[in-house]
Amino acid sequence: PPGSEAGVGGVDLRRMADQLREAAERGDVAAVERALRKGPSLVNACGRTGWTALHASAERGRLDVLNCLLGMRADPALRTARGATALALAGANGHAECVKALLDVGVDPGQATGRSNRTALHGAMRFNRPEVVRALVASGADPDRSSLSGVTARELGGVVPPERYTWQSHTSTKILGDPFYLSTAELEQYPPLD
């Protein structure tokens, strides 16, 4: 597997991959570029976490690092040890610019993640990420695609106990034209856009 072979100059590749991932998490483009000059094969290497630097930059919304890694031929189809893709990580965390950058290099907006067969749109809907939802739907993501458990992205917001939630209009579901259940805390965290 990537990250398991001997590294550059006798340094363990897995340790180098961890250092690259940590630089990506911090948004340190200069450190990422230095590491990749020393060892270009690190671009797709996984460290002890099972994540590549691209996963970390997508999850943290580090657009400059993400673009640098894509420019160095990072593979956006690689999955974390748990099956998450860079697109799913960026989408669930609301990093619309990272999602758009990944879509611009040809990542499939309907790419399934993990064993659940959920897509980035499932995560964006679940966590109320309206800009991500717009980008994914505009790129062809299907809101009616079911996960292995039979849940569609369109339905995700309504799968909660009604007694704990207030009926409200969820910003992301407005894009799809559906109502959504939200808790009072979620209402405060995600006020409607209009």
N, C-alpha and C. Protein backbone atom coordinates (compact mmCIF):
# COMPACT_ATOMS: atom_id res chain seq x y z
N PRO A 1 0.83 -1.20 0.00
CA PRO A 1 0.00 0.00 0.00
C PRO A 1 0.86 1.25 0.00
N PRO A 2 0.32 2.38 -0.50
CA PRO A 2 1.10 3.60 -0.48
C PRO A 2 1.52 3.95 0.94
N GLY A 3 2.76 4.38 1.09
CA GLY A 3 3.24 4.80 2.39
C GLY A 3 3.96 3.73 3.15
N SER A 4 4.05 2.48 2.62
CA SER A 4 4.66 1.41 3.38
C SER A 4 6.11 1.13 2.98
N GLU A 5 6.56 1.62 1.84
CA GLU A 5 7.91 1.32 1.39
C GLU A 5 8.93 2.28 1.99
N ALA A 6 10.23 1.95 1.80
CA ALA A 6 11.29 2.81 2.31
C ALA A 6 11.17 4.18 1.68
N GLY A 7 11.53 5.18 2.42
CA GLY A 7 11.36 6.55 1.96
C GLY A 7 12.58 7.12 1.28
N VAL A 8 12.65 8.43 1.26
CA VAL A 8 13.71 9.17 0.61
C VAL A 8 14.88 9.28 1.58
N GLY A 9 16.09 8.91 1.12
CA GLY A 9 17.28 9.03 1.96
C GLY A 9 17.21 8.20 3.22
N GLY A 10 16.52 7.06 3.17
CA GLY A 10 16.45 6.17 4.32
C GLY A 10 15.38 6.56 5.35
N VAL A 11 14.67 7.65 5.14
CA VAL A 11 13.61 8.07 6.07
C VAL A 11 12.34 7.31 5.72
N ASP A 12 11.64 6.83 6.71
CA ASP A 12 10.42 6.07 6.52
C ASP A 12 9.37 6.88 5.76
N LEU A 13 8.83 6.31 4.69
CA LEU A 13 7.86 7.00 3.85
C LEU A 13 6.57 7.31 4.62
N ARG A 14 6.17 6.40 5.50
CA ARG A 14 4.95 6.64 6.28
C ARG A 14 5.11 7.87 7.16
N ARG A 15 6.29 8.03 7.77
CA ARG A 15 6.55 9.22 8.59
C ARG A 15 6.58 10.48 7.75
N MET A 16 7.17 10.38 6.56
CA MET A 16 7.19 11.53 5.66
C MET A 16 5.78 11.88 5.20
N ALA A 17 4.95 10.86 4.96
CA ALA A 17 3.56 11.10 4.55
C ALA A 17 2.80 11.79 5.67
N ASP A 18 3.07 11.41 6.92
CA ASP A 18 2.42 12.07 8.06
C ASP A 18 2.83 13.53 8.14
N GLN A 19 4.10 13.82 7.91
CA GLN A 19 4.58 15.20 7.95
C GLN A 19 3.95 16.03 6.83
N LEU A 20 3.81 15.43 5.66
CA LEU A 20 3.15 16.11 4.54
C LEU A 20 1.68 16.38 4.86
N ARG A 21 1.00 15.38 5.41
CA ARG A 21 -0.40 15.55 5.79
C ARG A 21 -0.56 16.65 6.84
N GLU A 22 0.33 16.67 7.81
CA GLU A 22 0.26 17.71 8.85
C GLU A 22 0.48 19.10 8.26
N ALA A 23 1.39 19.23 7.29
CA ALA A 23 1.61 20.52 6.62
C ALA A 23 0.35 20.91 5.85
N ALA A 24 -0.30 19.93 5.23
CA ALA A 24 -1.55 20.20 4.49
C ALA A 24 -2.64 20.66 5.45
N GLU A 25 -2.74 20.02 6.60
CA GLU A 25 -3.74 20.41 7.61
C GLU A 25 -3.54 21.86 8.05
N ARG A 26 -2.29 22.25 8.21
CA ARG A 26 -1.97 23.62 8.64
C ARG A 26 -2.15 24.64 7.53
N GLY A 27 -2.23 24.16 6.29
CA GLY A 27 -2.33 25.08 5.15
C GLY A 27 -0.97 25.64 4.74
N ASP A 28 0.09 24.94 5.06
CA ASP A 28 1.46 25.38 4.80
C ASP A 28 1.90 24.94 3.39
N VAL A 29 1.57 25.75 2.41
CA VAL A 29 1.88 25.43 1.02
C VAL A 29 3.38 25.27 0.81
N ALA A 30 4.18 26.14 1.40
CA ALA A 30 5.64 26.08 1.22
C ALA A 30 6.19 24.74 1.73
N ALA A 31 5.72 24.28 2.89
CA ALA A 31 6.19 23.00 3.43
C ALA A 31 5.73 21.84 2.54
N VAL A 32 4.53 21.93 2.02
CA VAL A 32 4.02 20.89 1.11
C VAL A 32 4.89 20.84 -0.15
N GLU A 33 5.18 21.99 -0.73
CA GLU A 33 6.02 22.03 -1.94
C GLU A 33 7.42 21.49 -1.66
N ARG A 34 8.01 21.86 -0.52
CA ARG A 34 9.36 21.35 -0.16
C ARG A 34 9.34 19.83 -0.04
N ALA A 35 8.35 19.30 0.65
CA ALA A 35 8.26 17.85 0.85
C ALA A 35 8.11 17.13 -0.48
N LEU A 36 7.31 17.70 -1.38
CA LEU A 36 7.08 17.04 -2.67
C LEU A 36 8.29 17.16 -3.60
N ARG A 37 9.10 18.20 -3.42
CA ARG A 37 10.36 18.28 -4.19
C ARG A 37 11.32 17.19 -3.75
N LYS A 38 11.35 16.92 -2.44
CA LYS A 38 12.23 15.87 -1.90
C LYS A 38 11.74 14.48 -2.30
N GLY A 39 10.43 14.31 -2.31
CA GLY A 39 9.86 12.99 -2.60
C GLY A 39 8.53 13.10 -3.31
N PRO A 40 8.55 13.25 -4.64
CA PRO A 40 7.29 13.41 -5.39
C PRO A 40 6.30 12.25 -5.19
N SER A 41 6.82 11.06 -4.86
CA SER A 41 5.91 9.91 -4.67
C SER A 41 5.06 10.07 -3.42
N LEU A 42 5.39 11.02 -2.55
CA LEU A 42 4.60 11.26 -1.34
C LEU A 42 3.21 11.80 -1.64
N VAL A 43 3.02 12.35 -2.83
CA VAL A 43 1.76 13.04 -3.14
C VAL A 43 0.54 12.17 -2.87
N ASN A 44 0.66 10.86 -3.04
CA ASN A 44 -0.47 9.95 -2.80
C ASN A 44 -0.22 8.99 -1.65
N ALA A 45 0.79 9.26 -0.84
CA ALA A 45 1.13 8.36 0.26
C ALA A 45 0.22 8.59 1.47
N CYS A 46 -0.11 7.50 2.12
CA CYS A 46 -0.89 7.55 3.36
C CYS A 46 0.05 7.34 4.53
N GLY A 47 -0.17 8.09 5.57
CA GLY A 47 0.58 7.90 6.79
C GLY A 47 -0.18 7.00 7.75
N ARG A 48 0.12 7.13 9.03
CA ARG A 48 -0.51 6.26 10.04
C ARG A 48 -2.01 6.46 10.17
N THR A 49 -2.52 7.63 9.76
CA THR A 49 -3.96 7.91 9.87
C THR A 49 -4.77 7.28 8.74
N GLY A 50 -4.09 6.87 7.67
CA GLY A 50 -4.80 6.35 6.52
C GLY A 50 -5.30 7.45 5.59
N TRP A 51 -4.82 8.68 5.82
CA TRP A 51 -5.22 9.82 4.99
C TRP A 51 -4.02 10.31 4.19
N THR A 52 -4.30 10.79 2.98
CA THR A 52 -3.29 11.48 2.20
C THR A 52 -3.34 12.97 2.53
N ALA A 53 -2.36 13.70 2.05
CA ALA A 53 -2.36 15.16 2.23
C ALA A 53 -3.58 15.79 1.55
N LEU A 54 -4.02 15.20 0.43
CA LEU A 54 -5.20 15.73 -0.25
C LEU A 54 -6.45 15.59 0.61
N HIS A 55 -6.59 14.46 1.28
CA HIS A 55 -7.72 14.29 2.20
C HIS A 55 -7.70 15.36 3.27
N ALA A 56 -6.53 15.59 3.86
CA ALA A 56 -6.41 16.58 4.94
C ALA A 56 -6.71 17.99 4.44
N SER A 57 -6.21 18.34 3.27
CA SER A 57 -6.46 19.69 2.76
C SER A 57 -7.94 19.88 2.41
N ALA A 58 -8.58 18.85 1.90
CA ALA A 58 -10.01 18.93 1.57
C ALA A 58 -10.85 19.06 2.84
N GLU A 59 -10.54 18.26 3.83
CA GLU A 59 -11.29 18.26 5.09
C GLU A 59 -11.15 19.59 5.83
N ARG A 60 -9.98 20.20 5.76
CA ARG A 60 -9.72 21.47 6.45
C ARG A 60 -10.04 22.70 5.61
N GLY A 61 -10.35 22.49 4.33
CA GLY A 61 -10.67 23.62 3.46
C GLY A 61 -9.45 24.42 3.05
N ARG A 62 -8.32 23.78 2.94
CA ARG A 62 -7.07 24.44 2.56
C ARG A 62 -6.95 24.44 1.04
N LEU A 63 -7.65 25.38 0.40
CA LEU A 63 -7.74 25.42 -1.05
C LEU A 63 -6.38 25.57 -1.73
N ASP A 64 -5.51 26.42 -1.22
CA ASP A 64 -4.18 26.59 -1.83
C ASP A 64 -3.40 25.29 -1.82
N VAL A 65 -3.44 24.58 -0.71
CA VAL A 65 -2.74 23.30 -0.60
C VAL A 65 -3.39 22.28 -1.52
N LEU A 66 -4.71 22.23 -1.52
CA LEU A 66 -5.43 21.29 -2.38
C LEU A 66 -5.05 21.51 -3.85
N ASN A 67 -5.03 22.76 -4.29
CA ASN A 67 -4.65 23.05 -5.68
C ASN A 67 -3.20 22.68 -5.96
N CYS A 68 -2.32 22.92 -5.00
CA CYS A 68 -0.92 22.53 -5.14
C CYS A 68 -0.81 21.01 -5.32
N LEU A 69 -1.51 20.27 -4.47
CA LEU A 69 -1.46 18.81 -4.54
C LEU A 69 -2.06 18.29 -5.84
N LEU A 70 -3.17 18.88 -6.26
CA LEU A 70 -3.75 18.46 -7.55
C LEU A 70 -2.79 18.76 -8.69
N GLY A 71 -2.09 19.89 -8.62
CA GLY A 71 -1.09 20.24 -9.62
C GLY A 71 0.09 19.28 -9.65
N MET A 72 0.34 18.64 -8.51
CA MET A 72 1.42 17.64 -8.40
C MET A 72 0.89 16.22 -8.64
N ARG A 73 -0.30 16.13 -9.19
CA ARG A 73 -0.92 14.87 -9.59
C ARG A 73 -1.42 14.01 -8.43
N ALA A 74 -1.89 14.65 -7.38
CA ALA A 74 -2.54 13.89 -6.31
C ALA A 74 -3.79 13.25 -6.89
N ASP A 75 -4.07 12.04 -6.48
CA ASP A 75 -5.21 11.29 -7.01
C ASP A 75 -6.45 11.54 -6.16
N PRO A 76 -7.43 12.30 -6.67
CA PRO A 76 -8.63 12.60 -5.88
C PRO A 76 -9.56 11.40 -5.70
N ALA A 77 -9.30 10.30 -6.38
CA ALA A 77 -10.14 9.11 -6.22
C ALA A 77 -9.71 8.25 -5.04
N LEU A 78 -8.53 8.52 -4.48
CA LEU A 78 -8.07 7.72 -3.34
C LEU A 78 -9.00 7.93 -2.15
N ARG A 79 -9.12 6.88 -1.35
CA ARG A 79 -10.00 6.91 -0.19
C ARG A 79 -9.18 6.80 1.10
N THR A 80 -9.74 7.34 2.17
CA THR A 80 -9.12 7.18 3.48
C THR A 80 -9.27 5.72 3.90
N ALA A 81 -8.68 5.36 5.01
CA ALA A 81 -8.80 3.99 5.52
C ALA A 81 -10.26 3.62 5.77
N ARG A 82 -11.11 4.60 6.01
CA ARG A 82 -12.53 4.33 6.23
C ARG A 82 -13.38 4.55 4.99
N GLY A 83 -12.75 4.84 3.86
CA GLY A 83 -13.48 4.92 2.61
C GLY A 83 -13.92 6.30 2.17
N ALA A 84 -13.56 7.34 2.90
CA ALA A 84 -13.97 8.70 2.52
C ALA A 84 -13.09 9.23 1.39
N THR A 85 -13.68 10.00 0.52
CA THR A 85 -12.95 10.65 -0.56
C THR A 85 -12.71 12.12 -0.20
N ALA A 86 -11.79 12.74 -0.92
CA ALA A 86 -11.53 14.17 -0.71
C ALA A 86 -12.80 14.98 -0.96
N LEU A 87 -13.57 14.60 -1.97
CA LEU A 87 -14.81 15.32 -2.28
C LEU A 87 -15.80 15.22 -1.12
N ALA A 88 -15.96 14.04 -0.57
CA ALA A 88 -16.89 13.85 0.55
C ALA A 88 -16.43 14.63 1.78
N LEU A 89 -15.13 14.64 2.05
CA LEU A 89 -14.61 15.37 3.21
C LEU A 89 -14.80 16.87 3.05
N ALA A 90 -14.51 17.38 1.88
CA ALA A 90 -14.69 18.82 1.63
C ALA A 90 -16.17 19.18 1.70
N GLY A 91 -17.02 18.34 1.12
CA GLY A 91 -18.46 18.61 1.09
C GLY A 91 -19.10 18.61 2.45
N ALA A 92 -18.81 17.60 3.26
CA ALA A 92 -19.42 17.50 4.58
C ALA A 92 -18.98 18.63 5.49
N ASN A 93 -17.80 19.18 5.23
CA ASN A 93 -17.28 20.27 6.06
C ASN A 93 -17.58 21.64 5.48
N GLY A 94 -18.32 21.68 4.39
CA GLY A 94 -18.79 22.96 3.85
C GLY A 94 -17.77 23.76 3.07
N HIS A 95 -16.74 23.11 2.56
CA HIS A 95 -15.69 23.81 1.82
C HIS A 95 -16.02 23.82 0.31
N ALA A 96 -16.94 24.69 -0.05
CA ALA A 96 -17.45 24.73 -1.43
C ALA A 96 -16.35 24.99 -2.45
N GLU A 97 -15.38 25.84 -2.14
CA GLU A 97 -14.31 26.13 -3.11
C GLU A 97 -13.46 24.89 -3.35
N CYS A 98 -13.22 24.11 -2.32
CA CYS A 98 -12.47 22.86 -2.49
C CYS A 98 -13.30 21.86 -3.31
N VAL A 99 -14.59 21.80 -3.04
CA VAL A 99 -15.48 20.92 -3.82
C VAL A 99 -15.41 21.32 -5.29
N LYS A 100 -15.51 22.62 -5.57
CA LYS A 100 -15.47 23.09 -6.96
C LYS A 100 -14.14 22.76 -7.61
N ALA A 101 -13.03 22.91 -6.88
CA ALA A 101 -11.71 22.59 -7.44
C ALA A 101 -11.63 21.10 -7.79
N LEU A 102 -12.17 20.25 -6.93
CA LEU A 102 -12.15 18.81 -7.22
C LEU A 102 -13.05 18.47 -8.40
N LEU A 103 -14.21 19.11 -8.47
CA LEU A 103 -15.10 18.88 -9.62
C LEU A 103 -14.45 19.38 -10.91
N ASP A 104 -13.70 20.50 -10.82
CA ASP A 104 -13.03 21.07 -12.00
C ASP A 104 -11.98 20.14 -12.59
N VAL A 105 -11.39 19.26 -11.76
CA VAL A 105 -10.39 18.32 -12.28
C VAL A 105 -11.03 16.99 -12.68
N GLY A 106 -12.36 16.95 -12.68
CA GLY A 106 -13.06 15.78 -13.21
C GLY A 106 -13.55 14.77 -12.20
N VAL A 107 -13.53 15.10 -10.91
CA VAL A 107 -14.06 14.17 -9.92
C VAL A 107 -15.57 14.00 -10.16
N ASP A 108 -16.02 12.77 -10.12
CA ASP A 108 -17.43 12.44 -10.33
C ASP A 108 -18.24 12.94 -9.13
N PRO A 109 -19.23 13.83 -9.36
CA PRO A 109 -20.02 14.34 -8.24
C PRO A 109 -20.87 13.26 -7.57
N GLY A 110 -21.06 12.13 -8.22
CA GLY A 110 -21.83 11.03 -7.66
C GLY A 110 -20.97 9.93 -7.07
N GLN A 111 -19.67 10.20 -6.93
CA GLN A 111 -18.73 9.22 -6.39
C GLN A 111 -19.17 8.79 -4.99
N ALA A 112 -19.36 7.48 -4.81
CA ALA A 112 -19.78 6.95 -3.52
C ALA A 112 -18.59 6.91 -2.57
N THR A 113 -18.88 7.01 -1.29
CA THR A 113 -17.83 7.00 -0.29
C THR A 113 -18.12 5.95 0.77
N GLY A 114 -17.13 5.26 1.22
CA GLY A 114 -17.28 4.26 2.26
C GLY A 114 -18.16 3.09 1.86
N ARG A 115 -18.47 2.27 2.83
CA ARG A 115 -19.31 1.09 2.57
C ARG A 115 -20.78 1.44 2.48
N SER A 116 -21.15 2.65 2.89
CA SER A 116 -22.56 3.03 2.92
C SER A 116 -23.10 3.42 1.56
N ASN A 117 -22.22 3.67 0.60
CA ASN A 117 -22.59 4.11 -0.74
C ASN A 117 -23.20 5.52 -0.73
N ARG A 118 -22.91 6.29 0.31
CA ARG A 118 -23.36 7.68 0.34
C ARG A 118 -22.42 8.51 -0.52
N THR A 119 -22.92 9.62 -0.99
CA THR A 119 -22.14 10.52 -1.84
C THR A 119 -21.83 11.81 -1.07
N ALA A 120 -21.04 12.66 -1.69
CA ALA A 120 -20.75 13.96 -1.09
C ALA A 120 -22.04 14.75 -0.89
N LEU A 121 -23.01 14.55 -1.77
CA LEU A 121 -24.29 15.25 -1.63
C LEU A 121 -25.03 14.79 -0.37
N HIS A 122 -24.94 13.53 -0.02
CA HIS A 122 -25.54 13.05 1.23
C HIS A 122 -24.95 13.84 2.41
N GLY A 123 -23.62 13.95 2.46
CA GLY A 123 -22.98 14.67 3.55
C GLY A 123 -23.32 16.15 3.56
N ALA A 124 -23.33 16.76 2.38
CA ALA A 124 -23.65 18.19 2.29
C ALA A 124 -25.09 18.47 2.73
N MET A 125 -26.00 17.58 2.40
CA MET A 125 -27.38 17.75 2.84
C MET A 125 -27.50 17.51 4.34
N ARG A 126 -26.87 16.47 4.82
CA ARG A 126 -26.95 16.14 6.25
C ARG A 126 -26.44 17.27 7.13
N PHE A 127 -25.36 17.92 6.69
CA PHE A 127 -24.75 18.97 7.51
C PHE A 127 -25.11 20.38 7.04
N ASN A 128 -26.13 20.47 6.19
CA ASN A 128 -26.66 21.76 5.73
C ASN A 128 -25.56 22.66 5.15
N ARG A 129 -24.99 22.21 4.05
CA ARG A 129 -23.94 22.95 3.36
C ARG A 129 -24.48 23.43 2.01
N PRO A 130 -25.29 24.51 2.00
CA PRO A 130 -26.00 24.91 0.79
C PRO A 130 -25.11 25.23 -0.41
N GLU A 131 -23.97 25.86 -0.20
CA GLU A 131 -23.09 26.17 -1.35
C GLU A 131 -22.53 24.89 -1.95
N VAL A 132 -22.23 23.93 -1.12
CA VAL A 132 -21.74 22.64 -1.60
C VAL A 132 -22.86 21.92 -2.35
N VAL A 133 -24.07 21.95 -1.80
CA VAL A 133 -25.21 21.32 -2.47
C VAL A 133 -25.39 21.92 -3.85
N ARG A 134 -25.35 23.24 -3.95
CA ARG A 134 -25.50 23.90 -5.26
C ARG A 134 -24.43 23.44 -6.24
N ALA A 135 -23.17 23.40 -5.79
CA ALA A 135 -22.08 23.00 -6.68
C ALA A 135 -22.23 21.55 -7.13
N LEU A 136 -22.59 20.68 -6.21
CA LEU A 136 -22.73 19.26 -6.56
C LEU A 136 -23.90 19.02 -7.50
N VAL A 137 -25.04 19.63 -7.20
CA VAL A 137 -26.22 19.46 -8.06
C VAL A 137 -25.96 20.05 -9.44
N ALA A 138 -25.31 21.21 -9.50
CA ALA A 138 -24.98 21.83 -10.79
C ALA A 138 -24.04 20.95 -11.61
N SER A 139 -23.25 20.12 -10.92
CA SER A 139 -22.31 19.23 -11.61
C SER A 139 -22.91 17.86 -11.90
N GLY A 140 -24.17 17.67 -11.56
CA GLY A 140 -24.84 16.42 -11.92
C GLY A 140 -25.07 15.43 -10.80
N ALA A 141 -24.79 15.80 -9.54
CA ALA A 141 -25.07 14.89 -8.43
C ALA A 141 -26.58 14.64 -8.35
N ASP A 142 -26.95 13.40 -8.12
CA ASP A 142 -28.36 13.00 -8.09
C ASP A 142 -28.89 13.00 -6.66
N PRO A 143 -29.80 13.92 -6.31
CA PRO A 143 -30.32 13.96 -4.94
C PRO A 143 -31.20 12.75 -4.60
N ASP A 144 -31.59 11.96 -5.59
CA ASP A 144 -32.45 10.81 -5.35
C ASP A 144 -31.70 9.48 -5.37
N ARG A 145 -30.36 9.54 -5.43
CA ARG A 145 -29.56 8.32 -5.37
C ARG A 145 -29.57 7.80 -3.94
N SER A 146 -29.85 6.52 -3.80
CA SER A 146 -29.95 5.91 -2.47
C SER A 146 -28.61 5.38 -1.99
N SER A 147 -28.42 5.49 -0.67
CA SER A 147 -27.30 4.82 -0.03
C SER A 147 -27.68 3.35 0.12
N LEU A 148 -26.77 2.55 0.66
CA LEU A 148 -27.09 1.13 0.85
C LEU A 148 -28.26 0.93 1.80
N SER A 149 -28.45 1.88 2.72
CA SER A 149 -29.58 1.77 3.65
C SER A 149 -30.88 2.31 3.05
N GLY A 150 -30.82 2.79 1.80
CA GLY A 150 -32.02 3.25 1.12
C GLY A 150 -32.33 4.72 1.32
N VAL A 151 -31.45 5.47 1.94
CA VAL A 151 -31.67 6.89 2.20
C VAL A 151 -31.11 7.71 1.05
N THR A 152 -31.90 8.63 0.55
CA THR A 152 -31.41 9.54 -0.48
C THR A 152 -30.91 10.82 0.16
N ALA A 153 -30.12 11.57 -0.58
CA ALA A 153 -29.64 12.86 -0.08
C ALA A 153 -30.83 13.77 0.21
N ARG A 154 -31.84 13.70 -0.64
CA ARG A 154 -33.03 14.54 -0.48
C ARG A 154 -33.74 14.25 0.84
N GLU A 155 -33.70 13.00 1.29
CA GLU A 155 -34.42 12.59 2.49
C GLU A 155 -33.62 12.77 3.78
N LEU A 156 -32.33 12.92 3.69
CA LEU A 156 -31.49 12.85 4.88
C LEU A 156 -31.93 13.73 6.04
N GLY A 157 -32.38 14.91 5.78
CA GLY A 157 -32.75 15.81 6.86
C GLY A 157 -33.99 15.41 7.61
N GLY A 158 -34.88 14.65 6.98
CA GLY A 158 -36.11 14.28 7.63
C GLY A 158 -36.03 13.03 8.48
N VAL A 159 -34.89 12.37 8.52
CA VAL A 159 -34.76 11.12 9.24
C VAL A 159 -34.30 11.39 10.67
N VAL A 160 -35.13 12.06 11.44
CA VAL A 160 -34.83 12.38 12.83
C VAL A 160 -36.12 12.28 13.64
N PRO A 161 -36.04 12.06 14.95
CA PRO A 161 -37.25 11.98 15.77
C PRO A 161 -37.98 13.32 15.81
N PRO A 162 -39.21 13.41 15.30
CA PRO A 162 -39.94 14.67 15.24
C PRO A 162 -40.14 15.35 16.59
N GLU A 163 -40.26 14.57 17.69
CA GLU A 163 -40.50 15.19 18.99
C GLU A 163 -39.32 16.03 19.47
N ARG A 164 -38.12 15.80 18.94
CA ARG A 164 -36.94 16.56 19.35
C ARG A 164 -36.64 17.71 18.40
N TYR A 165 -37.44 17.85 17.38
CA TYR A 165 -37.13 18.82 16.34
C TYR A 165 -38.32 19.70 16.03
N THR A 166 -38.03 20.87 15.55
CA THR A 166 -39.04 21.83 15.13
C THR A 166 -39.10 21.79 13.61
N TRP A 167 -40.29 21.80 13.06
CA TRP A 167 -40.42 21.80 11.61
C TRP A 167 -39.95 23.14 11.07
N GLN A 168 -38.92 23.13 10.29
CA GLN A 168 -38.35 24.34 9.70
C GLN A 168 -37.94 24.04 8.27
N SER A 169 -37.64 25.07 7.57
CA SER A 169 -37.13 24.91 6.22
C SER A 169 -35.61 24.94 6.28
N HIS A 170 -34.98 23.88 5.89
CA HIS A 170 -33.53 23.73 5.89
C HIS A 170 -32.98 24.41 4.65
N THR A 171 -31.95 25.21 4.81
CA THR A 171 -31.39 25.97 3.70
C THR A 171 -31.05 25.08 2.51
N SER A 172 -30.37 23.95 2.77
CA SER A 172 -29.97 23.07 1.68
C SER A 172 -31.17 22.45 0.99
N THR A 173 -32.23 22.14 1.74
CA THR A 173 -33.39 21.53 1.10
C THR A 173 -34.18 22.55 0.31
N LYS A 174 -34.03 23.84 0.61
CA LYS A 174 -34.68 24.85 -0.23
C LYS A 174 -34.17 24.75 -1.66
N ILE A 175 -32.92 24.40 -1.79
CA ILE A 175 -32.33 24.25 -3.12
C ILE A 175 -33.04 23.13 -3.87
N LEU A 176 -33.41 22.07 -3.14
CA LEU A 176 -34.10 20.94 -3.74
C LEU A 176 -35.61 21.05 -3.62
N GLY A 177 -36.07 22.05 -2.88
CA GLY A 177 -37.50 22.29 -2.74
C GLY A 177 -38.19 21.41 -1.72
N ASP A 178 -37.48 20.97 -0.68
CA ASP A 178 -38.06 20.09 0.33
C ASP A 178 -37.98 20.71 1.71
N PRO A 179 -38.93 20.36 2.61
CA PRO A 179 -38.83 20.77 4.01
C PRO A 179 -37.83 19.88 4.74
N PHE A 180 -37.44 20.29 5.94
CA PHE A 180 -36.39 19.59 6.67
C PHE A 180 -36.62 19.78 8.16
N TYR A 181 -36.32 18.80 8.98
CA TYR A 181 -36.38 18.95 10.43
C TYR A 181 -35.05 19.48 10.93
N LEU A 182 -35.10 20.43 11.86
CA LEU A 182 -33.89 20.95 12.50
C LEU A 182 -34.15 21.13 13.98
N SER A 183 -33.14 20.88 14.79
CA SER A 183 -33.25 21.15 16.22
C SER A 183 -33.11 22.65 16.43
N THR A 184 -33.45 23.10 17.62
CA THR A 184 -33.32 24.52 17.95
C THR A 184 -31.86 24.95 17.83
N ALA A 185 -30.93 24.11 18.32
CA ALA A 185 -29.49 24.44 18.23
C ALA A 185 -29.06 24.55 16.78
N GLU A 186 -29.56 23.65 15.93
CA GLU A 186 -29.20 23.72 14.51
C GLU A 186 -29.78 24.96 13.86
N LEU A 187 -30.98 25.36 14.28
CA LEU A 187 -31.58 26.57 13.73
C LEU A 187 -30.71 27.78 14.02
N GLU A 188 -30.16 27.84 15.23
CA GLU A 188 -29.28 28.96 15.59
C GLU A 188 -27.98 28.91 14.82
N GLN A 189 -27.46 27.70 14.59
CA GLN A 189 -26.19 27.54 13.90
C GLN A 189 -26.33 27.79 12.39
N TYR A 190 -27.46 27.42 11.81
CA TYR A 190 -27.66 27.54 10.37
C TYR A 190 -28.92 28.34 10.07
N PRO A 191 -28.89 29.65 10.26
CA PRO A 191 -30.10 30.43 9.96
C PRO A 191 -30.38 30.42 8.46
N PRO A 192 -31.65 30.57 8.07
CA PRO A 192 -31.98 30.61 6.64
C PRO A 192 -31.24 31.74 5.94
N LEU A 193 -30.93 31.53 4.68
CA LEU A 193 -30.20 32.53 3.91
C LEU A 193 -31.06 33.72 3.52
N ASP A 194 -32.37 33.50 3.38
CA ASP A 194 -33.22 34.59 2.90
C ASP A 194 -33.90 35.35 4.00
